[in-house]
């Protein structure tokens, strides 16, 4: 598995397991657990979640998955902006740890920017790191101006990653945010790599997939994996999809295929506001 080295020296896998919308319905719980366990068995040890996902339900699903396997897992969670005051962040992290049945997170992110001063959240992250509750911290849904501001604050130079919407259809970060993060040595975590499924019927994507005898989702994920400094976290609630996502690690797109994807999904020609889902 390809990995990236964070500023702290810790390594993070390039492909992980997303858990958005997990833990919301009891009928899906066993299938979600089975899919995540299968991912761990394959070596997909990065699991991304948030207190927002199922209002903690996804974290409770993960707790069952990682029981007796915590040492294998690179575990990421996120704090709501409205919980992101200094004391609020610490309390939210404690609740996440309780739901996950673990005593530390590998990475803790501010889910998006809200009204709480960023300096407060960073102070909480540093405190959590000093007490061993988290190993690294970062942000999510931050545009380049937010990142530039953040790294100037106390503790900002230790921001490990920025998790943002990035896929073939949402390439705006290539104009400024992605190059800036590369220059700073801050990996991007790309969420929603198949645009919640909406990308999968695109004719060019389907054509390349058919020629390769793979799925459109695998092409979309492989494209992201070939981008420099990008970690990919597709949602993985079915064993079949976990297998397909894992197989994308070995799918190398040719220069001609990349050119055809650029024609179908043009890179940005001007600055655009950061998009979110």
Protein backbone atom coordinates (compact mmCIF):
# COMPACT_ATOMS: atom_id res chain seq x y z
CA UNK A 1 0.00 0.00 0.00
CA UNK A 2 1.33 3.42 -0.97
CA UNK A 3 1.57 5.76 2.03
CA UNK A 4 2.20 9.44 2.69
CA UNK A 5 4.33 10.78 5.52
CA UNK A 6 2.64 13.44 7.63
CA UNK A 7 4.51 16.39 9.14
CA UNK A 8 4.72 14.47 12.44
CA UNK A 9 6.48 11.58 10.74
CA UNK A 10 3.48 9.25 10.98
CA UNK A 11 2.43 7.45 7.80
CA UNK A 12 -1.09 7.42 6.34
CA UNK A 13 -2.31 4.99 3.64
CA UNK A 14 -3.22 6.38 0.21
CA UNK A 15 -6.55 4.50 0.05
CA UNK A 16 -9.03 4.05 2.85
CA UNK A 17 -12.57 3.19 3.87
CA UNK A 18 -15.18 5.92 4.07
CA UNK A 19 -18.18 5.61 6.41
CA UNK A 20 -20.54 8.44 5.49
CA UNK A 21 -24.22 7.43 6.00
CA UNK A 22 -23.18 4.36 8.01
CA UNK A 23 -24.81 3.65 11.36
CA UNK A 24 -28.08 5.24 10.31
CA UNK A 25 -30.25 2.13 9.90
CA UNK A 26 -30.20 -1.03 12.00
CA UNK A 27 -31.00 -3.16 8.93
CA UNK A 28 -27.70 -2.20 7.27
CA UNK A 29 -25.48 -2.54 10.33
CA UNK A 30 -24.22 -6.10 9.83
CA UNK A 31 -23.51 -5.50 6.14
CA UNK A 32 -21.55 -2.34 7.03
CA UNK A 33 -19.55 -4.17 9.68
CA UNK A 34 -18.81 -7.04 7.28
CA UNK A 35 -17.65 -4.65 4.55
CA UNK A 36 -15.31 -2.73 6.85
CA UNK A 37 -13.90 -5.93 8.35
CA UNK A 38 -13.27 -7.26 4.85
CA UNK A 39 -11.45 -4.04 4.01
CA UNK A 40 -9.19 -4.48 7.02
CA UNK A 41 -8.52 -8.06 5.98
CA UNK A 42 -7.38 -6.78 2.56
CA UNK A 43 -5.07 -4.24 4.16
CA UNK A 44 -7.25 -1.13 3.81
CA UNK A 45 -6.39 0.08 7.29
CA UNK A 46 -7.40 3.75 6.98
CA UNK A 47 -10.96 4.28 8.27
CA UNK A 48 -12.50 7.75 8.02
CA UNK A 49 -15.53 8.82 10.05
CA UNK A 50 -17.02 11.80 11.91
CA UNK A 51 -19.29 12.55 14.82
CA UNK A 52 -21.75 13.85 12.19
CA UNK A 53 -22.08 10.49 10.42
CA UNK A 54 -25.23 8.95 11.80
CA UNK A 55 -24.83 11.33 14.77
CA UNK A 56 -22.19 9.00 16.14
CA UNK A 57 -23.73 5.85 14.69
CA UNK A 58 -20.89 5.31 12.22
CA UNK A 59 -18.36 5.49 15.05
CA UNK A 60 -20.32 2.81 16.92
CA UNK A 61 -20.25 0.58 13.82
CA UNK A 62 -16.50 1.06 13.57
CA UNK A 63 -16.07 0.13 17.23
CA UNK A 64 -17.37 -3.35 16.43
CA UNK A 65 -15.08 -3.60 13.40
CA UNK A 66 -11.86 -2.63 15.17
CA UNK A 67 -12.42 -4.53 18.42
CA UNK A 68 -9.17 -6.45 19.09
CA UNK A 69 -7.71 -4.92 15.88
CA UNK A 70 -7.15 -1.31 16.92
CA UNK A 71 -3.39 -1.63 16.38
CA UNK A 72 -3.98 -2.32 12.67
CA UNK A 73 -6.07 0.78 12.01
CA UNK A 74 -5.34 4.40 11.07
CA UNK A 75 -8.48 5.97 12.53
CA UNK A 76 -9.78 9.40 11.52
CA UNK A 77 -12.74 11.30 12.97
CA UNK A 78 -14.00 14.88 12.82
CA UNK A 79 -15.51 17.46 15.15
CA UNK A 80 -18.61 19.49 14.22
CA UNK A 81 -17.91 23.24 13.80
CA UNK A 82 -20.47 24.09 16.48
CA UNK A 83 -18.56 21.87 18.92
CA UNK A 84 -15.18 23.30 17.99
CA UNK A 85 -14.51 25.66 20.91
CA UNK A 86 -11.53 24.73 23.07
CA UNK A 87 -13.55 22.84 25.68
CA UNK A 88 -16.16 21.74 23.14
CA UNK A 89 -13.56 20.08 20.93
CA UNK A 90 -12.08 18.20 23.88
CA UNK A 91 -15.53 17.02 24.98
CA UNK A 92 -16.49 16.01 21.42
CA UNK A 93 -13.27 14.02 21.06
CA UNK A 94 -13.95 12.22 24.34
CA UNK A 95 -17.43 11.29 23.09
CA UNK A 96 -16.00 9.98 19.81
CA UNK A 97 -13.39 7.95 21.67
CA UNK A 98 -16.13 6.49 23.88
CA UNK A 99 -18.25 5.50 20.86
CA UNK A 100 -15.22 4.06 19.06
CA UNK A 101 -14.10 2.22 22.22
CA UNK A 102 -10.54 3.38 21.83
CA UNK A 103 -8.28 5.71 23.78
CA UNK A 104 -6.80 7.63 20.85
CA UNK A 105 -7.40 8.80 17.28
CA UNK A 106 -4.67 8.76 14.67
CA UNK A 107 -6.09 11.92 13.09
CA UNK A 108 -8.74 14.39 14.26
CA UNK A 109 -10.17 17.00 11.88
CA UNK A 110 -12.30 20.13 12.08
CA UNK A 111 -15.15 19.08 9.76
CA UNK A 112 -15.62 22.53 8.25
CA UNK A 113 -15.08 26.07 9.37
CA UNK A 114 -17.75 27.67 11.54
CA UNK A 115 -18.07 30.67 13.83
CA UNK A 116 -15.63 29.49 16.52
CA UNK A 117 -12.22 31.18 16.17
CA UNK A 118 -9.83 28.75 14.53
CA UNK A 119 -7.21 29.51 17.17
CA UNK A 120 -9.49 27.93 19.82
CA UNK A 121 -9.86 24.71 17.85
CA UNK A 122 -6.13 24.49 17.22
CA UNK A 123 -5.45 25.05 20.93
CA UNK A 124 -7.79 22.14 21.73
CA UNK A 125 -6.11 19.94 19.13
CA UNK A 126 -2.72 20.66 20.68
CA UNK A 127 -4.03 19.83 24.14
CA UNK A 128 -5.54 16.58 22.89
CA UNK A 129 -2.25 15.72 21.21
CA UNK A 130 -0.25 16.47 24.35
CA UNK A 131 -2.49 14.20 26.42
CA UNK A 132 -2.25 11.36 23.89
CA UNK A 133 -5.90 11.45 22.82
CA UNK A 134 -4.94 12.21 19.20
CA UNK A 135 -1.73 11.65 17.27
CA UNK A 136 -2.26 14.21 14.51
CA UNK A 137 -4.81 16.86 13.63
CA UNK A 138 -6.03 18.66 10.55
CA UNK A 139 -8.94 20.31 8.81
CA UNK A 140 -11.63 19.57 6.26
CA UNK A 141 -13.32 21.72 3.63
CA UNK A 142 -10.71 24.51 3.92
CA UNK A 143 -9.97 26.62 0.84
CA UNK A 144 -6.52 28.01 0.19
CA UNK A 145 -7.19 31.30 2.05
CA UNK A 146 -8.37 29.33 5.10
CA UNK A 147 -5.25 27.18 4.96
CA UNK A 148 -2.97 30.19 4.64
CA UNK A 149 -4.62 31.75 7.68
CA UNK A 150 -4.54 28.52 9.68
CA UNK A 151 -0.84 27.76 9.26
CA UNK A 152 0.02 31.21 10.66
CA UNK A 153 -1.75 30.49 13.96
CA UNK A 154 -0.22 28.77 16.98
CA UNK A 155 -0.25 25.06 16.20
CA UNK A 156 -1.15 25.67 12.57
CA UNK A 157 2.18 24.47 11.23
CA UNK A 158 1.29 20.98 12.51
CA UNK A 159 -1.88 20.68 10.39
CA UNK A 160 -1.46 17.24 8.87
CA UNK A 161 -4.06 17.17 6.11
CA UNK A 162 -7.04 18.90 4.50
CA UNK A 163 -9.99 16.68 3.56
CA UNK A 164 -11.95 18.15 0.65
CA UNK A 165 -14.33 17.26 -2.17
CA UNK A 166 -12.21 16.17 -5.12
CA UNK A 167 -13.09 13.97 -8.06
CA UNK A 168 -13.13 14.09 -11.86
CA UNK A 169 -16.11 16.43 -11.87
CA UNK A 170 -14.89 18.63 -9.01
CA UNK A 171 -11.37 19.67 -10.00
CA UNK A 172 -11.37 23.27 -8.80
CA UNK A 173 -8.72 22.61 -6.15
CA UNK A 174 -6.18 21.94 -8.91
CA UNK A 175 -5.99 25.68 -9.58
CA UNK A 176 -4.62 26.79 -6.21
CA UNK A 177 -5.40 24.63 -3.15
CA UNK A 178 -3.80 21.41 -4.36
CA UNK A 179 -0.55 23.07 -5.55
CA UNK A 180 -0.33 25.05 -2.31
CA UNK A 181 -0.82 21.93 -0.17
CA UNK A 182 1.79 20.08 -2.21
CA UNK A 183 4.25 22.90 -1.66
CA UNK A 184 3.56 22.78 2.09
CA UNK A 185 3.81 18.99 2.23
CA UNK A 186 0.17 18.65 3.37
CA UNK A 187 -1.65 15.71 1.75
CA UNK A 188 -5.19 16.21 0.46
CA UNK A 189 -7.81 13.63 1.48
CA UNK A 190 -10.32 13.34 -1.37
CA UNK A 191 -13.86 12.56 -0.29
CA UNK A 192 -16.74 11.54 -2.56
CA UNK A 193 -14.45 10.21 -5.34
CA UNK A 194 -17.42 9.02 -7.43
CA UNK A 195 -19.67 12.01 -6.63
CA UNK A 196 -22.06 9.82 -4.58
CA UNK A 197 -22.50 7.62 -7.65
CA UNK A 198 -23.42 10.40 -10.05
CA UNK A 199 -20.16 10.06 -11.99
CA UNK A 200 -20.69 6.43 -12.84
CA UNK A 201 -22.93 6.88 -15.86
CA UNK A 202 -20.64 9.33 -17.64
CA UNK A 203 -20.06 7.92 -21.16
CA UNK A 204 -16.30 8.51 -21.26
CA UNK A 205 -15.80 6.93 -17.87
CA UNK A 206 -17.93 3.97 -18.88
CA UNK A 207 -16.06 3.61 -22.16
CA UNK A 208 -12.63 3.45 -20.51
CA UNK A 209 -13.97 1.06 -17.86
CA UNK A 210 -15.43 -1.24 -20.51
CA UNK A 211 -12.15 -1.31 -22.42
CA UNK A 212 -10.30 -2.20 -19.22
CA UNK A 213 -12.94 -4.66 -18.02
CA UNK A 214 -13.31 -2.78 -14.74
CA UNK A 215 -16.01 -0.54 -13.23
CA UNK A 216 -16.36 3.21 -13.78
CA UNK A 217 -15.82 3.66 -10.04
CA UNK A 218 -12.45 1.94 -10.30
CA UNK A 219 -11.40 4.31 -13.09
CA UNK A 220 -12.46 7.34 -11.04
CA UNK A 221 -10.59 6.09 -7.97
CA UNK A 222 -7.51 5.11 -9.97
CA UNK A 223 -7.43 8.61 -11.48
CA UNK A 224 -7.32 10.12 -8.00
CA UNK A 225 -4.69 7.67 -6.81
CA UNK A 226 -2.45 8.82 -9.66
CA UNK A 227 -2.65 12.43 -8.51
CA UNK A 228 0.34 13.51 -6.46
CA UNK A 229 -0.25 14.09 -2.73
CA UNK A 230 -3.83 12.75 -2.71
CA UNK A 231 -5.41 10.22 -0.32
CA UNK A 232 -8.72 8.66 -1.40
CA UNK A 233 -11.53 7.57 0.96
CA UNK A 234 -14.46 6.05 -0.97
CA UNK A 235 -17.48 4.94 1.03
CA UNK A 236 -17.28 1.19 1.52
CA UNK A 237 -20.52 -0.32 2.80
CA UNK A 238 -20.60 -3.44 0.59
CA UNK A 239 -17.98 -6.18 0.28
CA UNK A 240 -18.25 -6.09 -3.52
CA UNK A 241 -17.40 -2.38 -3.57
CA UNK A 242 -14.55 -2.86 -1.10
CA UNK A 243 -13.01 -5.44 -3.44
CA UNK A 244 -13.39 -3.11 -6.42
CA UNK A 245 -11.88 -0.17 -4.54
CA UNK A 246 -8.94 -2.29 -3.44
CA UNK A 247 -8.34 -3.49 -7.01
CA UNK A 248 -8.08 0.16 -8.13
CA UNK A 249 -4.69 0.27 -6.39
CA UNK A 250 -3.27 -1.83 -9.24
CA UNK A 251 -5.02 0.06 -12.03
CA UNK A 252 -2.61 2.42 -13.76
CA UNK A 253 -4.22 4.74 -16.31
CA UNK A 254 -2.27 5.39 -19.51
CA UNK A 255 -1.34 8.82 -20.82
CA UNK A 256 -3.99 8.44 -23.53
CA UNK A 257 -6.65 7.56 -20.96
CA UNK A 258 -5.68 10.49 -18.77
CA UNK A 259 -5.87 12.80 -21.80
CA UNK A 260 -9.35 11.55 -22.69
CA UNK A 261 -10.48 12.10 -19.09
CA UNK A 262 -9.10 15.65 -19.19
CA UNK A 263 -11.15 16.24 -22.34
CA UNK A 264 -14.30 14.86 -20.72
CA UNK A 265 -13.67 16.53 -17.34
CA UNK A 266 -11.59 19.65 -18.06
CA UNK A 267 -9.25 20.93 -15.36
CA UNK A 268 -10.02 24.43 -14.02
CA UNK A 269 -9.16 27.46 -16.14
CA UNK A 270 -9.70 30.00 -13.34
CA UNK A 271 -10.05 30.16 -9.56
CA UNK A 272 -13.30 28.77 -8.18
CA UNK A 273 -14.75 28.63 -4.67
CA UNK A 274 -14.18 25.38 -2.82
CA UNK A 275 -17.11 23.03 -3.34
CA UNK A 276 -18.65 20.87 -0.62
CA UNK A 277 -21.15 18.02 -0.42
